[in-house]
Amino acid sequence: MAKKKIVTSPSEMLSKCIVEGMQENKAKDIVVLDLRELESRVCDFFVVCSGESSTQVEGITNAITRYTRKALKEKPWHIEGQRNSEWVLLDYIDVVAHIFYKEARNYYEIEELWADAVRTDIAE
Protein backbone atom coordinates (compact mmCIF):
# COMPACT_ATOMS: atom_id res chain seq x y z
CA MET A 1 0.00 0.00 0.00
CA ALA A 2 1.38 3.39 -1.03
CA LYS A 3 1.84 6.07 1.58
CA LYS A 4 0.13 9.38 1.02
CA LYS A 5 2.45 12.32 0.78
CA ILE A 6 1.28 15.22 2.90
CA VAL A 7 1.65 18.45 0.97
CA THR A 8 1.99 21.46 3.23
CA SER A 9 1.38 24.87 1.74
CA PRO A 10 3.86 27.70 2.37
CA SER A 11 1.23 29.55 4.41
CA GLU A 12 0.62 26.46 6.56
CA MET A 13 4.35 26.10 7.19
CA LEU A 14 4.54 29.78 8.12
CA SER A 15 1.61 29.50 10.55
CA LYS A 16 3.30 26.53 12.26
CA CYS A 17 6.54 28.50 12.50
CA ILE A 18 4.67 31.45 14.04
CA VAL A 19 3.14 29.10 16.64
CA GLU A 20 6.63 27.84 17.52
CA GLY A 21 7.83 31.43 17.91
CA MET A 22 4.89 32.15 20.21
CA GLN A 23 5.60 29.05 22.27
CA GLU A 24 9.26 30.06 22.56
CA ASN A 25 8.20 33.08 24.62
CA LYS A 26 5.45 31.36 26.66
CA ALA A 27 2.44 32.85 24.84
CA LYS A 28 -0.96 31.88 26.27
CA ASP A 29 -4.14 30.59 24.60
CA ILE A 30 -2.67 30.07 21.11
CA VAL A 31 -5.33 29.58 18.44
CA VAL A 32 -4.89 29.00 14.70
CA LEU A 33 -7.82 30.00 12.51
CA ASP A 34 -7.76 28.40 9.05
CA LEU A 35 -9.58 30.85 6.77
CA ARG A 36 -8.81 29.11 3.46
CA GLU A 37 -12.35 27.78 2.97
CA LEU A 38 -14.06 31.11 3.70
CA GLU A 39 -15.24 33.18 0.77
CA SER A 40 -14.59 36.50 2.52
CA ARG A 41 -11.12 35.64 3.79
CA VAL A 42 -8.40 38.26 4.02
CA CYS A 43 -5.56 35.73 4.28
CA ASP A 44 -5.05 31.97 4.73
CA PHE A 45 -4.46 31.87 8.50
CA PHE A 46 -4.83 33.97 11.61
CA VAL A 47 -2.61 32.92 14.50
CA VAL A 48 -3.75 34.47 17.78
CA CYS A 49 -2.19 34.45 21.24
CA SER A 50 -2.14 36.40 24.50
CA GLY A 51 0.58 37.81 26.69
CA GLU A 52 0.38 38.53 30.41
CA SER A 53 1.94 42.00 30.13
CA SER A 54 2.92 44.55 27.51
CA THR A 55 6.53 43.46 28.03
CA GLN A 56 5.61 39.86 27.22
CA VAL A 57 3.59 40.96 24.16
CA GLU A 58 6.69 42.76 22.92
CA GLY A 59 8.83 39.69 23.67
CA ILE A 60 6.44 37.37 21.80
CA THR A 61 6.48 39.74 18.83
CA ASN A 62 10.28 39.72 18.77
CA ALA A 63 10.41 35.93 19.17
CA ILE A 64 8.06 35.40 16.21
CA THR A 65 9.99 37.72 13.90
CA ARG A 66 13.29 36.15 14.94
CA TYR A 67 11.97 32.59 14.57
CA THR A 68 10.35 33.10 11.14
CA ARG A 69 13.42 34.88 9.81
CA LYS A 70 15.73 32.11 11.01
CA ALA A 71 13.57 29.10 10.07
CA LEU A 72 11.93 30.26 6.82
CA LYS A 73 13.79 33.43 5.84
CA GLU A 74 10.45 35.28 6.17
CA LYS A 75 9.88 38.66 7.70
CA PRO A 76 6.61 40.54 8.20
CA TRP A 77 5.44 42.77 5.40
CA HIS A 78 3.93 45.12 7.96
CA ILE A 79 3.87 45.44 11.77
CA GLU A 80 1.14 47.37 13.55
CA GLY A 81 0.64 48.24 17.23
CA GLN A 82 4.17 47.98 18.60
CA ARG A 83 3.99 51.39 20.23
CA ASN A 84 1.59 50.40 23.03
CA SER A 85 1.96 46.59 22.86
CA GLU A 86 -1.72 45.87 23.60
CA TRP A 87 -2.46 44.35 20.20
CA VAL A 88 0.45 43.75 17.85
CA LEU A 89 -0.33 42.57 14.34
CA LEU A 90 2.37 40.91 12.24
CA ASP A 91 1.24 40.79 8.61
CA TYR A 92 3.00 38.14 6.53
CA ILE A 93 0.41 38.59 3.70
CA ASP A 94 -0.96 35.00 3.70
CA VAL A 95 -0.67 34.63 7.48
CA VAL A 96 -1.44 37.29 10.08
CA ALA A 97 -0.26 36.90 13.67
CA HIS A 98 -2.21 38.71 16.41
CA ILE A 99 -0.44 39.11 19.74
CA PHE A 100 -2.82 40.50 22.35
CA TYR A 101 -2.47 41.75 25.88
CA LYS A 102 -5.03 39.51 27.59
CA GLU A 103 -7.59 42.27 28.36
CA ALA A 104 -7.50 43.56 24.77
CA ARG A 105 -8.08 40.05 23.42
CA ASN A 106 -11.19 39.67 25.57
CA TYR A 107 -12.46 43.03 24.34
CA TYR A 108 -11.97 42.47 20.58
CA GLU A 109 -12.96 38.76 20.49
CA ILE A 110 -11.30 38.23 17.12
CA GLU A 111 -11.98 34.49 17.18
CA GLU A 112 -15.72 35.23 17.34
CA LEU A 113 -15.51 37.52 14.32
CA TRP A 114 -14.13 34.59 12.30
CA ALA A 115 -16.21 31.86 13.96
CA ASP A 116 -16.77 30.09 10.60
CA ALA A 117 -13.04 29.35 10.29
CA VAL A 118 -11.57 26.00 11.22
CA ARG A 119 -10.20 26.54 14.72
CA THR A 120 -7.23 24.73 16.22
CA ASP A 121 -6.39 25.35 19.87
CA ILE A 122 -2.72 24.76 20.59
CA ALA A 123 -1.96 22.98 23.87
CA GLU A 124 0.48 24.76 26.18
C-alpha atoms as a PDB file:
ATOM      1  CA  MET A   1       0.000   0.000   0.000  1.00  0.00           C
ATOM      2  CA  ALA A   2       1.381   3.394  -1.034  1.00  0.00           C
ATOM      3  CA  LYS A   3       1.844   6.070   1.584  1.00  0.00           C
ATOM      4  CA  LYS A   4       0.125   9.384   1.016  1.00  0.00           C
ATOM      5  CA  LYS A   5       2.448  12.320   0.778  1.00  0.00           C
ATOM      6  CA  ILE A   6       1.278  15.220   2.898  1.00  0.00           C
ATOM      7  CA  VAL A   7       1.653  18.449   0.969  1.00  0.00           C
ATOM      8  CA  THR A   8       1.992  21.455   3.231  1.00  0.00           C
ATOM      9  CA  SER A   9       1.383  24.871   1.736  1.00  0.00           C
ATOM     10  CA  PRO A  10       3.860  27.699   2.372  1.00  0.00           C
ATOM     11  CA  SER A  11       1.227  29.548   4.414  1.00  0.00           C
ATOM     12  CA  GLU A  12       0.616  26.457   6.559  1.00  0.00           C
ATOM     13  CA  MET A  13       4.353  26.097   7.190  1.00  0.00           C
ATOM     14  CA  LEU A  14       4.538  29.784   8.117  1.00  0.00           C
ATOM     15  CA  SER A  15       1.609  29.498  10.547  1.00  0.00           C
ATOM     16  CA  LYS A  16       3.299  26.535  12.260  1.00  0.00           C
ATOM     17  CA  CYS A  17       6.535  28.499  12.503  1.00  0.00           C
ATOM     18  CA  ILE A  18       4.673  31.447  14.042  1.00  0.00           C
ATOM     19  CA  VAL A  19       3.139  29.096  16.638  1.00  0.00           C
ATOM     20  CA  GLU A  20       6.625  27.838  17.518  1.00  0.00           C
ATOM     21  CA  GLY A  21       7.830  31.425  17.905  1.00  0.00           C
ATOM     22  CA  MET A  22       4.894  32.147  20.211  1.00  0.00           C
ATOM     23  CA  GLN A  23       5.603  29.053  22.272  1.00  0.00           C
ATOM     24  CA  GLU A  24       9.262  30.056  22.561  1.00  0.00           C
ATOM     25  CA  ASN A  25       8.203  33.080  24.619  1.00  0.00           C
ATOM     26  CA  LYS A  26       5.454  31.360  26.664  1.00  0.00           C
ATOM     27  CA  ALA A  27       2.435  32.854  24.836  1.00  0.00           C
ATOM     28  CA  LYS A  28      -0.961  31.875  26.274  1.00  0.00           C
ATOM     29  CA  ASP A  29      -4.137  30.593  24.596  1.00  0.00           C
ATOM     30  CA  ILE A  30      -2.668  30.071  21.109  1.00  0.00           C
ATOM     31  CA  VAL A  31      -5.326  29.581  18.440  1.00  0.00           C
ATOM     32  CA  VAL A  32      -4.887  28.995  14.702  1.00  0.00           C
ATOM     33  CA  LEU A  33      -7.825  30.002  12.506  1.00  0.00           C
ATOM     34  CA  ASP A  34      -7.760  28.398   9.046  1.00  0.00           C
ATOM     35  CA  LEU A  35      -9.575  30.847   6.772  1.00  0.00           C
ATOM     36  CA  ARG A  36      -8.811  29.112   3.463  1.00  0.00           C
ATOM     37  CA  GLU A  37     -12.348  27.780   2.973  1.00  0.00           C
ATOM     38  CA  LEU A  38     -14.056  31.110   3.698  1.00  0.00           C
ATOM     39  CA  GLU A  39     -15.243  33.177   0.773  1.00  0.00           C
ATOM     40  CA  SER A  40     -14.593  36.497   2.515  1.00  0.00           C
ATOM     41  CA  ARG A  41     -11.122  35.644   3.792  1.00  0.00           C
ATOM     42  CA  VAL A  42      -8.402  38.256   4.025  1.00  0.00           C
ATOM     43  CA  CYS A  43      -5.564  35.728   4.284  1.00  0.00           C
ATOM     44  CA  ASP A  44      -5.049  31.969   4.732  1.00  0.00           C
ATOM     45  CA  PHE A  45      -4.460  31.866   8.501  1.00  0.00           C
ATOM     46  CA  PHE A  46      -4.834  33.973  11.606  1.00  0.00           C
ATOM     47  CA  VAL A  47      -2.608  32.916  14.498  1.00  0.00           C
ATOM     48  CA  VAL A  48      -3.753  34.468  17.775  1.00  0.00           C
ATOM     49  CA  CYS A  49      -2.189  34.454  21.240  1.00  0.00           C
ATOM     50  CA  SER A  50      -2.135  36.395  24.500  1.00  0.00           C
ATOM     51  CA  GLY A  51       0.578  37.810  26.695  1.00  0.00           C
ATOM     52  CA  GLU A  52       0.377  38.531  30.412  1.00  0.00           C
ATOM     53  CA  SER A  53       1.938  42.004  30.132  1.00  0.00           C
ATOM     54  CA  SER A  54       2.915  44.548  27.512  1.00  0.00           C
ATOM     55  CA  THR A  55       6.527  43.460  28.030  1.00  0.00           C
ATOM     56  CA  GLN A  56       5.609  39.856  27.223  1.00  0.00           C
ATOM     57  CA  VAL A  57       3.587  40.962  24.164  1.00  0.00           C
ATOM     58  CA  GLU A  58       6.693  42.760  22.922  1.00  0.00           C
ATOM     59  CA  GLY A  59       8.832  39.690  23.669  1.00  0.00           C
ATOM     60  CA  ILE A  60       6.443  37.365  21.801  1.00  0.00           C
ATOM     61  CA  THR A  61       6.475  39.743  18.833  1.00  0.00           C
ATOM     62  CA  ASN A  62      10.277  39.724  18.769  1.00  0.00           C
ATOM     63  CA  ALA A  63      10.406  35.926  19.165  1.00  0.00           C
ATOM     64  CA  ILE A  64       8.061  35.403  16.205  1.00  0.00           C
ATOM     65  CA  THR A  65       9.990  37.720  13.896  1.00  0.00           C
ATOM     66  CA  ARG A  66      13.291  36.148  14.940  1.00  0.00           C
ATOM     67  CA  TYR A  67      11.974  32.592  14.566  1.00  0.00           C
ATOM     68  CA  THR A  68      10.352  33.103  11.138  1.00  0.00           C
ATOM     69  CA  ARG A  69      13.421  34.885   9.810  1.00  0.00           C
ATOM     70  CA  LYS A  70      15.731  32.110  11.011  1.00  0.00           C
ATOM     71  CA  ALA A  71      13.571  29.100  10.072  1.00  0.00           C
ATOM     72  CA  LEU A  72      11.927  30.260   6.824  1.00  0.00           C
ATOM     73  CA  LYS A  73      13.794  33.431   5.842  1.00  0.00           C
ATOM     74  CA  GLU A  74      10.452  35.276   6.172  1.00  0.00           C
ATOM     75  CA  LYS A  75       9.879  38.662   7.701  1.00  0.00           C
ATOM     76  CA  PRO A  76       6.606  40.539   8.203  1.00  0.00           C
ATOM     77  CA  TRP A  77       5.443  42.768   5.400  1.00  0.00           C
ATOM     78  CA  HIS A  78       3.926  45.118   7.962  1.00  0.00           C
ATOM     79  CA  ILE A  79       3.869  45.442  11.767  1.00  0.00           C
ATOM     80  CA  GLU A  80       1.139  47.368  13.549  1.00  0.00           C
ATOM     81  CA  GLY A  81       0.640  48.242  17.227  1.00  0.00           C
ATOM     82  CA  GLN A  82       4.171  47.977  18.603  1.00  0.00           C
ATOM     83  CA  ARG A  83       3.991  51.385  20.232  1.00  0.00           C
ATOM     84  CA  ASN A  84       1.586  50.403  23.025  1.00  0.00           C
ATOM     85  CA  SER A  85       1.956  46.585  22.861  1.00  0.00           C
ATOM     86  CA  GLU A  86      -1.716  45.874  23.599  1.00  0.00           C
ATOM     87  CA  TRP A  87      -2.458  44.350  20.199  1.00  0.00           C
ATOM     88  CA  VAL A  88       0.447  43.750  17.848  1.00  0.00           C
ATOM     89  CA  LEU A  89      -0.331  42.571  14.339  1.00  0.00           C
ATOM     90  CA  LEU A  90       2.366  40.914  12.237  1.00  0.00           C
ATOM     91  CA  ASP A  91       1.235  40.788   8.607  1.00  0.00           C
ATOM     92  CA  TYR A  92       2.998  38.138   6.532  1.00  0.00           C
ATOM     93  CA  ILE A  93       0.407  38.594   3.698  1.00  0.00           C
ATOM     94  CA  ASP A  94      -0.955  34.999   3.696  1.00  0.00           C
ATOM     95  CA  VAL A  95      -0.672  34.632   7.480  1.00  0.00           C
ATOM     96  CA  VAL A  96      -1.442  37.288  10.084  1.00  0.00           C
ATOM     97  CA  ALA A  97      -0.265  36.903  13.674  1.00  0.00           C
ATOM     98  CA  HIS A  98      -2.209  38.707  16.408  1.00  0.00           C
ATOM     99  CA  ILE A  99      -0.444  39.112  19.738  1.00  0.00           C
ATOM    100  CA  PHE A 100      -2.825  40.503  22.352  1.00  0.00           C
ATOM    101  CA  TYR A 101      -2.467  41.753  25.879  1.00  0.00           C
ATOM    102  CA  LYS A 102      -5.033  39.505  27.592  1.00  0.00           C
ATOM    103  CA  GLU A 103      -7.587  42.267  28.358  1.00  0.00           C
ATOM    104  CA  ALA A 104      -7.497  43.558  24.769  1.00  0.00           C
ATOM    105  CA  ARG A 105      -8.081  40.048  23.420  1.00  0.00           C
ATOM    106  CA  ASN A 106     -11.191  39.670  25.571  1.00  0.00           C
ATOM    107  CA  TYR A 107     -12.462  43.033  24.335  1.00  0.00           C
ATOM    108  CA  TYR A 108     -11.970  42.465  20.577  1.00  0.00           C
ATOM    109  CA  GLU A 109     -12.958  38.759  20.494  1.00  0.00           C
ATOM    110  CA  ILE A 110     -11.304  38.231  17.117  1.00  0.00           C
ATOM    111  CA  GLU A 111     -11.984  34.492  17.176  1.00  0.00           C
ATOM    112  CA  GLU A 112     -15.717  35.227  17.344  1.00  0.00           C
ATOM    113  CA  LEU A 113     -15.514  37.517  14.317  1.00  0.00           C
ATOM    114  CA  TRP A 114     -14.131  34.590  12.305  1.00  0.00           C
ATOM    115  CA  ALA A 115     -16.206  31.856  13.956  1.00  0.00           C
ATOM    116  CA  ASP A 116     -16.769  30.091  10.602  1.00  0.00           C
ATOM    117  CA  ALA A 117     -13.044  29.346  10.289  1.00  0.00           C
ATOM    118  CA  VAL A 118     -11.568  25.995  11.220  1.00  0.00           C
ATOM    119  CA  ARG A 119     -10.201  26.545  14.722  1.00  0.00           C
ATOM    120  CA  THR A 120      -7.229  24.734  16.225  1.00  0.00           C
ATOM    121  CA  ASP A 121      -6.392  25.353  19.873  1.00  0.00           C
ATOM    122  CA  ILE A 122      -2.716  24.756  20.593  1.00  0.00           C
ATOM    123  CA  ALA A 123      -1.963  22.981  23.874  1.00  0.00           C
ATOM    124  CA  GLU A 124       0.483  24.760  26.178  1.00  0.00           C
END
